[in-house]
C-alpha cells in the first residue's frame, strides 16, 4: 500500500493503461494473485470483495474528485487506477515489465 508523502489521489493512473477495459480487471487481479496461498475459493471471494469496493462508476475512480470525466479513456481506466493506488502489485508489475 502506498502511504505517507508518496500517496496521492491519482497515483494509480501512473501504472494503468488508458485503454484498460473494466471487464479485464478481475482477469488482471487473478493473474497477479495466482496461485493464492489461501486457495482458489478464498482468492475468488477476495477478488469479488475488491470489485464490490471499487465500483464501475467513473465518479468513484482515480483520479478522485474529477467526477465522471474519463479523460478520453473508458471507465475501466479510473476503476483500475483506484484499485492500483491501493495496491503494491501495480508498482511491482510496472517495475518488472520495464
C-alpha atoms as a PDB file:
ATOM      1  CA  UNK A   1       0.000   0.000   0.000  1.00  0.00           C
ATOM      2  CA  UNK A   2       1.226   3.483  -0.775  1.00  0.00           C
ATOM      3  CA  UNK A   3       1.447   5.613   2.333  1.00  0.00           C
ATOM      4  CA  UNK A   4       2.908   8.880   3.506  1.00  0.00           C
ATOM      5  CA  UNK A   5       4.044  11.621   1.183  1.00  0.00           C
ATOM      6  CA  UNK A   6       4.052   9.418  -1.921  1.00  0.00           C
ATOM      7  CA  UNK A   7       0.358   8.555  -1.659  1.00  0.00           C
ATOM      8  CA  UNK A   8      -1.723  10.797  -3.884  1.00  0.00           C
ATOM      9  CA  UNK A   9      -5.250  10.764  -5.266  1.00  0.00           C
ATOM     10  CA  UNK A  10      -4.004   9.971  -8.773  1.00  0.00           C
ATOM     11  CA  UNK A  11      -1.031   7.669  -8.113  1.00  0.00           C
ATOM     12  CA  UNK A  12      -2.745   4.675  -9.722  1.00  0.00           C
ATOM     13  CA  UNK A  13      -3.049   6.483 -13.047  1.00  0.00           C
ATOM     14  CA  UNK A  14       0.723   6.225 -13.469  1.00  0.00           C
ATOM     15  CA  UNK A  15       0.529   2.440 -13.672  1.00  0.00           C
ATOM     16  CA  UNK A  16      -2.732   1.876 -15.549  1.00  0.00           C
ATOM     17  CA  UNK A  17      -3.040   1.749 -19.337  1.00  0.00           C
ATOM     18  CA  UNK A  18      -5.568   4.328 -20.565  1.00  0.00           C
ATOM     19  CA  UNK A  19      -7.416   1.703 -22.600  1.00  0.00           C
ATOM     20  CA  UNK A  20      -7.813  -0.792 -19.725  1.00  0.00           C
ATOM     21  CA  UNK A  21     -11.240  -2.450 -20.179  1.00  0.00           C
ATOM     22  CA  UNK A  22     -13.253  -2.788 -16.971  1.00  0.00           C
ATOM     23  CA  UNK A  23     -14.109  -6.411 -17.805  1.00  0.00           C
ATOM     24  CA  UNK A  24     -10.376  -7.279 -17.719  1.00  0.00           C
ATOM     25  CA  UNK A  25      -9.799  -6.035 -14.166  1.00  0.00           C
ATOM     26  CA  UNK A  26     -10.758  -9.309 -12.481  1.00  0.00           C
ATOM     27  CA  UNK A  27      -8.587 -11.205 -15.002  1.00  0.00           C
ATOM     28  CA  UNK A  28      -5.653  -8.932 -14.143  1.00  0.00           C
ATOM     29  CA  UNK A  29      -6.245  -9.347 -10.400  1.00  0.00           C
ATOM     30  CA  UNK A  30      -6.438 -13.131 -10.736  1.00  0.00           C
ATOM     31  CA  UNK A  31      -3.277 -13.310 -12.840  1.00  0.00           C
ATOM     32  CA  UNK A  32      -1.356 -11.291 -10.266  1.00  0.00           C
ATOM     33  CA  UNK A  33      -2.604 -13.267  -7.258  1.00  0.00           C
ATOM     34  CA  UNK A  34      -2.400 -16.842  -8.583  1.00  0.00           C
ATOM     35  CA  UNK A  35      -1.511 -19.208  -7.090  1.00  0.00           C
ATOM     36  CA  UNK A  36      -3.004 -17.983  -3.870  1.00  0.00           C
ATOM     37  CA  UNK A  37      -1.635 -19.411  -0.612  1.00  0.00           C
ATOM     38  CA  UNK A  38      -5.191 -19.330   0.795  1.00  0.00           C
ATOM     39  CA  UNK A  39      -6.701 -21.332  -2.075  1.00  0.00           C
ATOM     40  CA  UNK A  40      -8.852 -20.555  -5.104  1.00  0.00           C
ATOM     41  CA  UNK A  41     -12.132 -20.111  -3.219  1.00  0.00           C
ATOM     42  CA  UNK A  42     -10.667 -17.511  -0.868  1.00  0.00           C
ATOM     43  CA  UNK A  43      -8.978 -15.790  -3.816  1.00  0.00           C
ATOM     44  CA  UNK A  44     -12.289 -15.538  -5.694  1.00  0.00           C
ATOM     45  CA  UNK A  45     -14.045 -14.218  -2.577  1.00  0.00           C
ATOM     46  CA  UNK A  46     -11.303 -11.622  -2.135  1.00  0.00           C
ATOM     47  CA  UNK A  47     -11.483 -10.542  -5.770  1.00  0.00           C
ATOM     48  CA  UNK A  48     -15.277 -10.285  -5.571  1.00  0.00           C
ATOM     49  CA  UNK A  49     -14.875  -8.070  -2.491  1.00  0.00           C
ATOM     50  CA  UNK A  50     -12.335  -5.830  -4.250  1.00  0.00           C
ATOM     51  CA  UNK A  51     -14.617  -5.477  -7.268  1.00  0.00           C
ATOM     52  CA  UNK A  52     -17.516  -4.509  -4.997  1.00  0.00           C
ATOM     53  CA  UNK A  53     -15.408  -1.930  -3.148  1.00  0.00           C
ATOM     54  CA  UNK A  54     -14.288  -0.335  -6.431  1.00  0.00           C
ATOM     55  CA  UNK A  55     -17.485   0.030  -8.499  1.00  0.00           C
ATOM     56  CA  UNK A  56     -17.623   0.535 -12.250  1.00  0.00           C
ATOM     57  CA  UNK A  57     -18.534   4.164 -11.729  1.00  0.00           C
ATOM     58  CA  UNK A  58     -16.138   6.782 -13.150  1.00  0.00           C
ATOM     59  CA  UNK A  59     -17.003   9.305 -10.431  1.00  0.00           C
ATOM     60  CA  UNK A  60     -15.697   6.821  -7.822  1.00  0.00           C
ATOM     61  CA  UNK A  61     -12.398   6.198  -9.650  1.00  0.00           C
ATOM     62  CA  UNK A  62      -8.927   7.690  -9.679  1.00  0.00           C
ATOM     63  CA  UNK A  63      -8.012  10.461 -10.181  1.00  0.00           C
ATOM     64  CA  UNK A  64     -10.514  11.253  -7.475  1.00  0.00           C
ATOM     65  CA  UNK A  65     -12.550  14.427  -7.398  1.00  0.00           C
ATOM     66  CA  UNK A  66     -12.867  14.552 -11.194  1.00  0.00           C
ATOM     67  CA  UNK A  67     -16.459  13.312 -11.396  1.00  0.00           C
ATOM     68  CA  UNK A  68     -17.423  11.274 -14.433  1.00  0.00           C
ATOM     69  CA  UNK A  69     -14.548  12.664 -16.531  1.00  0.00           C
ATOM     70  CA  UNK A  70     -12.616   9.740 -18.048  1.00  0.00           C
ATOM     71  CA  UNK A  71     -10.083  11.851 -19.957  1.00  0.00           C
ATOM     72  CA  UNK A  72     -10.815  10.005 -23.201  1.00  0.00           C
ATOM     73  CA  UNK A  73     -10.419   6.594 -21.582  1.00  0.00           C
ATOM     74  CA  UNK A  74     -13.054   4.064 -20.531  1.00  0.00           C
ATOM     75  CA  UNK A  75     -14.392   3.676 -17.018  1.00  0.00           C
ATOM     76  CA  UNK A  76     -12.026   0.719 -16.555  1.00  0.00           C
ATOM     77  CA  UNK A  77      -9.135   3.186 -16.512  1.00  0.00           C
ATOM     78  CA  UNK A  78     -10.446   5.049 -13.470  1.00  0.00           C
ATOM     79  CA  UNK A  79     -11.605   1.853 -11.744  1.00  0.00           C
ATOM     80  CA  UNK A  80      -8.281   0.050 -12.224  1.00  0.00           C
ATOM     81  CA  UNK A  81      -6.377   3.202 -11.229  1.00  0.00           C
ATOM     82  CA  UNK A  82      -8.285   3.295  -7.935  1.00  0.00           C
ATOM     83  CA  UNK A  83      -7.530  -0.382  -7.288  1.00  0.00           C
ATOM     84  CA  UNK A  84      -3.931   0.108  -8.333  1.00  0.00           C
ATOM     85  CA  UNK A  85      -3.297   3.011  -5.978  1.00  0.00           C
ATOM     86  CA  UNK A  86      -4.442   0.792  -3.104  1.00  0.00           C
ATOM     87  CA  UNK A  87      -2.043  -1.976  -4.014  1.00  0.00           C
ATOM     88  CA  UNK A  88       1.673  -2.505  -4.362  1.00  0.00           C
ATOM     89  CA  UNK A  89       1.131  -5.058  -7.136  1.00  0.00           C
ATOM     90  CA  UNK A  90       0.700  -2.325  -9.770  1.00  0.00           C
ATOM     91  CA  UNK A  91       4.018  -0.779  -8.779  1.00  0.00           C
ATOM     92  CA  UNK A  92       5.719  -4.199  -8.768  1.00  0.00           C
ATOM     93  CA  UNK A  93       4.253  -5.017 -12.182  1.00  0.00           C
ATOM     94  CA  UNK A  94       5.436  -1.678 -13.554  1.00  0.00           C
ATOM     95  CA  UNK A  95       8.986  -2.206 -12.276  1.00  0.00           C
ATOM     96  CA  UNK A  96       9.179  -5.784 -13.555  1.00  0.00           C
ATOM     97  CA  UNK A  97       7.749  -5.031 -17.004  1.00  0.00           C
ATOM     98  CA  UNK A  98      10.372  -2.485 -17.988  1.00  0.00           C
END
